Amino acid sequence: MQIQINSDKNIEITQEAKDDLKSKVEKKLGRFDNLISRVEVHLSDENSDKSGLNDKKCLMEARLLNRQPIIVTDHSDNIGKSFVSCLNKLRRKVDGIVGKMRD
């Protein structure tokens, strides 16, 4: 599974932080490693310099083999919360699809 972390110009993310996010994705989705070819994570701050409620956005796209991509999003006041929530949504969606495939 290839994991790509992207951020907009308003969010500065270090390589260490990217590696940490990648390891969290691997841990959460690792059991689907043979079904997922790629996961892309897009982090953004929709209000840039202004503060506001739920202005941090995380969008994740998972590419499953022989299926349409799965896309989930989450908004929060904190990019970390948004990432964790979005990752949980993605795991639930993939889990549901895999369950249907087995039935």
Protein backbone atom coordinates (compact mmCIF):
# COMPACT_ATOMS: atom_id res chain seq x y z
CA MET A 1 0.00 0.00 0.00
CA GLN A 2 1.41 3.33 -1.08
CA ILE A 3 0.61 6.28 1.21
CA GLN A 4 0.91 9.89 0.10
CA ILE A 5 0.49 12.88 2.45
CA ASN A 6 -0.31 16.29 0.90
CA SER A 7 -0.97 19.66 2.50
CA ASP A 8 -1.96 23.04 1.19
CA LYS A 9 0.17 26.18 1.49
CA ASN A 10 -1.50 27.08 4.82
CA ILE A 11 -0.38 23.93 6.64
CA GLU A 12 3.30 23.38 7.17
CA ILE A 13 4.07 19.73 7.81
CA THR A 14 7.49 18.28 8.59
CA GLN A 15 8.81 15.00 7.21
CA GLU A 16 8.65 13.58 10.74
CA ALA A 17 4.95 14.47 10.96
CA LYS A 18 4.33 12.92 7.53
CA ASP A 19 6.04 9.73 8.66
CA ASP A 20 3.88 9.66 11.79
CA LEU A 21 0.69 10.10 9.76
CA LYS A 22 1.79 7.36 7.36
CA SER A 23 2.39 4.96 10.23
CA LYS A 24 -1.08 5.69 11.62
CA VAL A 25 -2.63 4.94 8.22
CA GLU A 26 -0.61 1.71 7.95
CA LYS A 27 -1.67 0.65 11.42
CA LYS A 28 -5.37 1.38 10.85
CA LEU A 29 -5.62 -0.04 7.31
CA GLY A 30 -2.83 -2.61 7.38
CA ARG A 31 -5.16 -5.59 7.36
CA PHE A 32 -6.48 -4.41 3.97
CA ASP A 33 -2.97 -4.10 2.54
CA ASN A 34 -3.63 -6.69 -0.17
CA LEU A 35 -6.77 -4.81 -1.35
CA ILE A 36 -5.64 -1.17 -1.19
CA SER A 37 -3.08 -0.01 -3.71
CA ARG A 38 -2.83 3.62 -2.57
CA VAL A 39 -4.09 6.03 0.08
CA GLU A 40 -3.84 9.78 -0.46
CA VAL A 41 -4.28 12.20 2.43
CA HIS A 42 -4.98 15.88 1.75
CA LEU A 43 -4.77 18.32 4.67
CA SER A 44 -5.98 21.88 4.32
CA ASP A 45 -6.87 25.00 6.27
CA GLU A 46 -9.85 26.52 4.50
CA ASN A 47 -9.68 29.92 6.23
CA SER A 48 -5.88 30.26 6.02
CA ASP A 49 -4.75 32.89 8.55
CA LYS A 50 -8.17 33.45 10.07
CA SER A 51 -9.26 31.33 12.97
CA GLY A 52 -12.61 29.63 12.89
CA LEU A 53 -14.59 26.62 13.88
CA ASN A 54 -14.15 23.53 11.76
CA ASP A 55 -11.88 25.21 9.24
CA LYS A 56 -9.31 22.38 9.14
CA LYS A 57 -10.12 19.75 6.53
CA CYS A 58 -8.83 16.26 5.92
CA LEU A 59 -9.74 14.38 2.76
CA MET A 60 -8.66 10.78 2.23
CA GLU A 61 -8.88 8.76 -0.93
CA ALA A 62 -8.29 5.01 -0.97
CA ARG A 63 -7.77 3.13 -4.21
CA LEU A 64 -9.07 -0.41 -3.93
CA LEU A 65 -8.14 -3.00 -6.52
CA ASN A 66 -10.80 -3.32 -9.24
CA ARG A 67 -13.11 -0.80 -7.53
CA GLN A 68 -13.93 2.88 -7.66
CA PRO A 69 -11.90 5.07 -5.26
CA ILE A 70 -13.33 5.68 -1.80
CA ILE A 71 -13.29 9.29 -0.62
CA VAL A 72 -14.05 10.54 2.88
CA THR A 73 -13.70 13.99 4.43
CA ASP A 74 -13.81 15.54 7.87
CA HIS A 75 -13.77 19.09 9.20
CA SER A 76 -12.57 20.08 12.64
CA ASP A 77 -10.96 22.96 14.52
CA ASN A 78 -7.74 20.93 14.75
CA ILE A 79 -5.95 19.15 11.90
CA GLY A 80 -5.05 16.19 14.14
CA LYS A 81 -8.67 15.60 15.12
CA SER A 82 -9.75 15.91 11.52
CA PHE A 83 -7.13 13.36 10.41
CA VAL A 84 -8.08 10.78 13.06
CA SER A 85 -11.80 11.14 12.38
CA CYS A 86 -11.28 10.88 8.63
CA LEU A 87 -9.08 7.79 9.05
CA ASN A 88 -11.74 6.12 11.19
CA LYS A 89 -14.40 6.89 8.56
CA LEU A 90 -12.21 5.42 5.84
CA ARG A 91 -11.55 2.23 7.82
CA ARG A 92 -15.28 1.75 8.42
CA LYS A 93 -16.06 2.26 4.72
CA VAL A 94 -13.36 -0.15 3.58
CA ASP A 95 -14.45 -2.67 6.20
CA GLY A 96 -18.02 -2.46 4.91
CA ILE A 97 -16.95 -2.96 1.31
CA VAL A 98 -14.75 -5.92 2.20
CA GLY A 99 -17.63 -7.45 4.17
CA LYS A 100 -19.92 -7.16 1.15
CA MET A 101 -17.23 -8.68 -1.08
CA ARG A 102 -17.02 -11.72 1.19
CA ASP A 103 -20.81 -12.22 1.22
